[in-house]
Amino acid sequence: MTTEISKELHALMAQEMGPMGRFILKKQCANLGLDPENISTGDLPGLSKAIYSAILVFTGEEKARKIEAEIRKMSRE
């Protein structure tokens, strides 16, 4: 069963990065040893940093920081 955080994160990445967003999320989860369908709030700080690093070259500093902040915000909701 997919966690709510996972659903929200998949939706955010698809919205911000298009089809590439899901791939980036899946790849960064694999690099961190996380199941992309079972992400918990405790996983978000590390995952947000990994995603930031992965997308920086594609999006530029401003958008990468925005996405990182959105992911971190999910851990406080």
Protein backbone atom coordinates (compact mmCIF):
# COMPACT_ATOMS: atom_id res chain seq x y z
CA MET A 1 0.00 0.00 0.00
CA THR A 2 1.34 3.41 -0.96
CA THR A 3 1.74 5.94 1.85
CA GLU A 4 0.10 9.37 1.62
CA ILE A 5 3.51 11.04 1.71
CA SER A 6 4.59 8.91 -1.26
CA LYS A 7 1.47 9.91 -3.20
CA GLU A 8 2.02 13.60 -2.44
CA LEU A 9 5.69 13.41 -3.36
CA HIS A 10 4.98 11.61 -6.65
CA ALA A 11 2.36 14.24 -7.50
CA LEU A 12 4.72 17.11 -6.64
CA MET A 13 7.55 15.71 -8.73
CA ALA A 14 5.26 15.03 -11.70
CA GLN A 15 3.79 18.53 -11.45
CA GLU A 16 7.16 20.27 -11.19
CA MET A 17 9.30 18.08 -13.46
CA GLY A 18 6.85 16.31 -15.76
CA PRO A 19 7.49 12.64 -16.59
CA MET A 20 11.12 13.00 -15.57
CA GLY A 21 10.01 13.80 -12.01
CA ARG A 22 8.85 10.27 -11.28
CA PHE A 23 12.11 8.85 -12.61
CA ILE A 24 14.19 11.25 -10.50
CA LEU A 25 12.20 10.36 -7.39
CA LYS A 26 12.56 6.64 -8.05
CA LYS A 27 16.31 6.95 -8.70
CA GLN A 28 17.00 9.03 -5.59
CA CYS A 29 14.97 6.60 -3.46
CA ALA A 30 17.04 3.72 -4.87
CA ASN A 31 20.27 5.59 -4.10
CA LEU A 32 19.11 6.07 -0.49
CA GLY A 33 17.76 2.54 -0.09
CA LEU A 34 14.15 3.74 0.18
CA ASP A 35 11.00 2.20 -1.26
CA PRO A 36 9.37 4.97 -3.34
CA GLU A 37 5.93 3.64 -2.41
CA ASN A 38 6.60 3.66 1.34
CA ILE A 39 8.26 6.98 2.05
CA SER A 40 7.81 8.27 5.58
CA THR A 41 8.14 11.78 6.96
CA GLY A 42 11.48 10.77 8.49
CA ASP A 43 12.83 10.06 5.00
CA LEU A 44 12.03 13.52 3.66
CA PRO A 45 15.01 15.60 4.89
CA GLY A 46 17.58 13.31 3.25
CA LEU A 47 15.43 12.73 0.19
CA SER A 48 14.86 16.46 -0.30
CA LYS A 49 18.63 17.06 -0.36
CA ALA A 50 19.18 14.20 -2.81
CA ILE A 51 16.43 15.43 -5.12
CA TYR A 52 17.78 19.00 -4.93
CA SER A 53 21.21 17.79 -6.06
CA ALA A 54 19.72 15.68 -8.84
CA ILE A 55 17.52 18.42 -10.32
CA LEU A 56 19.75 21.47 -9.84
CA VAL A 57 21.37 21.16 -13.27
CA PHE A 58 17.96 20.79 -14.98
CA THR A 59 16.00 23.44 -13.14
CA GLY A 60 18.46 25.98 -11.82
CA GLU A 61 18.97 27.10 -8.23
CA GLU A 62 15.63 28.85 -7.67
CA LYS A 63 13.34 26.03 -8.78
CA ALA A 64 15.50 23.34 -7.14
CA ARG A 65 15.30 25.21 -3.81
CA LYS A 66 11.53 25.63 -4.22
CA ILE A 67 11.03 21.89 -4.75
CA GLU A 68 13.35 21.05 -1.86
CA ALA A 69 11.36 23.39 0.40
CA GLU A 70 8.04 21.85 -0.70
CA ILE A 71 9.34 18.38 0.15
CA ARG A 72 10.61 19.52 3.56
CA LYS A 73 7.25 21.17 4.24
CA MET A 74 5.54 17.78 3.82
CA SER A 75 7.41 16.48 6.88
CA ARG A 76 5.80 19.18 9.04
CA GLU A 77 2.22 18.69 7.86
